[in-house]
C-alpha cells in the first residue's frame, strides 16, 4: 500500500506542476507524467487483485 501512496503522491505532484506551468509544452510534459503514474498504479492494482485469493 505504501507503494500506491507514493505513486499517487507523485501523480498528484505532476498534476500540480501542470497547473502551474506557464508553457503549454511544459504543461503537457507534466500531464503525460501524471498519466504514466496513473497507468502504473492501475496495472499494479490489477496485479495485486489477481494474486489475492477471492474470499466469498
N, C-alpha and C. Protein backbone atom coordinates (compact mmCIF):
# COMPACT_ATOMS: atom_id res chain seq x y z
N UNK A 1 0.82 -1.19 0.00
CA UNK A 1 0.00 0.00 0.00
C UNK A 1 0.86 1.26 0.00
N UNK A 2 2.01 1.18 0.63
CA UNK A 2 2.91 2.34 0.63
C UNK A 2 3.34 2.70 -0.78
N UNK A 3 3.53 1.67 -1.60
CA UNK A 3 3.92 1.91 -2.99
C UNK A 3 2.84 2.68 -3.73
N UNK A 4 1.58 2.31 -3.51
CA UNK A 4 0.48 3.02 -4.16
C UNK A 4 0.40 4.46 -3.67
N UNK A 5 0.58 4.65 -2.38
CA UNK A 5 0.55 6.01 -1.83
C UNK A 5 1.65 6.87 -2.42
N UNK A 6 2.85 6.30 -2.52
CA UNK A 6 3.96 7.05 -3.10
C UNK A 6 3.67 7.43 -4.55
N UNK A 7 3.24 6.45 -5.34
CA UNK A 7 2.95 6.72 -6.75
C UNK A 7 1.82 7.73 -6.90
N UNK A 8 0.83 7.63 -6.06
CA UNK A 8 -0.29 8.58 -6.14
C UNK A 8 0.16 9.99 -5.76
N UNK A 9 1.04 10.11 -4.78
CA UNK A 9 1.58 11.43 -4.42
C UNK A 9 2.38 12.01 -5.58
N UNK A 10 3.17 11.18 -6.25
CA UNK A 10 3.95 11.64 -7.41
C UNK A 10 3.00 12.08 -8.53
N UNK A 11 1.93 11.31 -8.76
CA UNK A 11 0.96 11.65 -9.79
C UNK A 11 0.32 13.00 -9.48
N UNK A 12 -0.08 13.18 -8.24
CA UNK A 12 -0.71 14.44 -7.84
C UNK A 12 0.27 15.61 -7.95
N UNK A 13 1.53 15.38 -7.61
CA UNK A 13 2.54 16.43 -7.73
C UNK A 13 2.70 16.86 -9.19
N UNK A 14 2.69 15.90 -10.09
CA UNK A 14 2.81 16.23 -11.52
C UNK A 14 1.59 17.02 -12.00
N UNK A 15 0.41 16.66 -11.51
CA UNK A 15 -0.78 17.42 -11.88
C UNK A 15 -0.69 18.85 -11.35
N UNK A 16 -0.17 19.00 -10.14
CA UNK A 16 0.01 20.34 -9.57
C UNK A 16 1.01 21.15 -10.39
N UNK A 17 2.10 20.51 -10.81
CA UNK A 17 3.09 21.20 -11.64
C UNK A 17 2.47 21.61 -12.98
N UNK A 18 1.63 20.74 -13.52
CA UNK A 18 0.98 21.05 -14.80
C UNK A 18 0.09 22.28 -14.67
N UNK A 19 -0.61 22.38 -13.55
CA UNK A 19 -1.48 23.55 -13.33
C UNK A 19 -0.68 24.84 -13.28
N UNK A 20 0.51 24.77 -12.71
CA UNK A 20 1.32 25.97 -12.52
C UNK A 20 2.19 26.31 -13.74
N UNK A 21 2.33 25.37 -14.66
CA UNK A 21 3.21 25.58 -15.80
C UNK A 21 2.66 26.68 -16.71
N UNK A 22 3.53 27.60 -17.07
CA UNK A 22 3.14 28.71 -17.95
C UNK A 22 3.20 28.29 -19.41
N UNK A 23 4.12 27.42 -19.73
CA UNK A 23 4.35 26.99 -21.11
C UNK A 23 3.49 25.75 -21.41
N UNK A 24 2.77 25.75 -22.52
CA UNK A 24 1.95 24.59 -22.88
C UNK A 24 2.76 23.30 -23.06
N UNK A 25 3.98 23.43 -23.54
CA UNK A 25 4.83 22.25 -23.72
C UNK A 25 5.18 21.66 -22.36
N UNK A 26 5.55 22.52 -21.43
CA UNK A 26 5.88 22.06 -20.07
C UNK A 26 4.65 21.45 -19.40
N UNK A 27 3.50 22.07 -19.59
CA UNK A 27 2.25 21.55 -19.03
C UNK A 27 1.99 20.14 -19.58
N UNK A 28 2.19 19.98 -20.87
CA UNK A 28 1.98 18.67 -21.50
C UNK A 28 2.89 17.60 -20.93
N UNK A 29 4.14 17.96 -20.67
CA UNK A 29 5.09 17.00 -20.10
C UNK A 29 4.63 16.53 -18.72
N UNK A 30 4.18 17.47 -17.91
CA UNK A 30 3.72 17.11 -16.56
C UNK A 30 2.44 16.28 -16.62
N UNK A 31 1.55 16.63 -17.52
CA UNK A 31 0.31 15.85 -17.67
C UNK A 31 0.62 14.44 -18.15
N UNK A 32 1.58 14.31 -19.06
CA UNK A 32 1.98 12.99 -19.55
C UNK A 32 2.57 12.14 -18.42
N UNK A 33 3.40 12.75 -17.59
CA UNK A 33 3.96 12.03 -16.44
C UNK A 33 2.85 11.60 -15.47
N UNK A 34 1.88 12.46 -15.25
CA UNK A 34 0.77 12.12 -14.36
C UNK A 34 -0.01 10.94 -14.93
N UNK A 35 -0.23 10.93 -16.24
CA UNK A 35 -0.93 9.80 -16.87
C UNK A 35 -0.12 8.52 -16.74
N UNK A 36 1.19 8.63 -16.87
CA UNK A 36 2.05 7.45 -16.74
C UNK A 36 1.97 6.88 -15.32
N UNK A 37 2.00 7.75 -14.32
CA UNK A 37 1.84 7.28 -12.94
C UNK A 37 0.49 6.60 -12.75
N UNK A 38 -0.56 7.16 -13.32
CA UNK A 38 -1.89 6.58 -13.19
C UNK A 38 -1.94 5.19 -13.82
N UNK A 39 -1.28 5.03 -14.96
CA UNK A 39 -1.25 3.72 -15.62
C UNK A 39 -0.49 2.70 -14.78
N UNK A 40 0.62 3.12 -14.21
CA UNK A 40 1.40 2.22 -13.36
C UNK A 40 0.58 1.78 -12.16
N UNK A 41 -0.10 2.72 -11.53
CA UNK A 41 -0.95 2.41 -10.38
C UNK A 41 -2.03 1.42 -10.78
N UNK A 42 -2.65 1.64 -11.92
CA UNK A 42 -3.71 0.77 -12.40
C UNK A 42 -3.21 -0.66 -12.62
N UNK A 43 -2.07 -0.79 -13.26
CA UNK A 43 -1.50 -2.11 -13.53
C UNK A 43 -1.15 -2.81 -12.23
N UNK A 44 -0.52 -2.10 -11.31
CA UNK A 44 -0.15 -2.72 -10.04
C UNK A 44 -1.37 -3.16 -9.24
N UNK A 45 -2.43 -2.36 -9.26
CA UNK A 45 -3.66 -2.74 -8.55
C UNK A 45 -4.28 -3.99 -9.16
N UNK A 46 -4.30 -4.06 -10.50
CA UNK A 46 -4.85 -5.25 -11.16
C UNK A 46 -4.02 -6.49 -10.84
N UNK A 47 -2.70 -6.34 -10.82
CA UNK A 47 -1.84 -7.47 -10.48
C UNK A 47 -2.07 -7.91 -9.04
N UNK A 48 -2.21 -6.95 -8.14
CA UNK A 48 -2.45 -7.27 -6.74
C UNK A 48 -3.78 -8.01 -6.58
N UNK A 49 -4.81 -7.53 -7.26
CA UNK A 49 -6.12 -8.18 -7.18
C UNK A 49 -6.09 -9.58 -7.77
N UNK A 50 -5.30 -9.80 -8.81
CA UNK A 50 -5.22 -11.11 -9.44
C UNK A 50 -4.54 -12.12 -8.52
N UNK A 51 -3.61 -11.67 -7.70
CA UNK A 51 -2.88 -12.58 -6.83
C UNK A 51 -3.57 -12.81 -5.49
N UNK A 52 -4.46 -11.92 -5.11
CA UNK A 52 -5.17 -12.11 -3.85
C UNK A 52 -6.26 -13.15 -4.04
N UNK A 53 -6.36 -14.09 -3.11
CA UNK A 53 -7.43 -15.09 -3.23
C UNK A 53 -8.79 -14.44 -3.03
N UNK A 54 -9.71 -14.88 -3.79
CA UNK A 54 -11.08 -14.34 -3.71
C UNK A 54 -11.80 -15.01 -2.54
N UNK A 55 -12.19 -14.21 -1.57
CA UNK A 55 -12.89 -14.72 -0.39
C UNK A 55 -14.37 -14.41 -0.55
N UNK A 56 -15.18 -15.45 -0.48
CA UNK A 56 -16.64 -15.26 -0.62
C UNK A 56 -17.36 -15.93 0.50
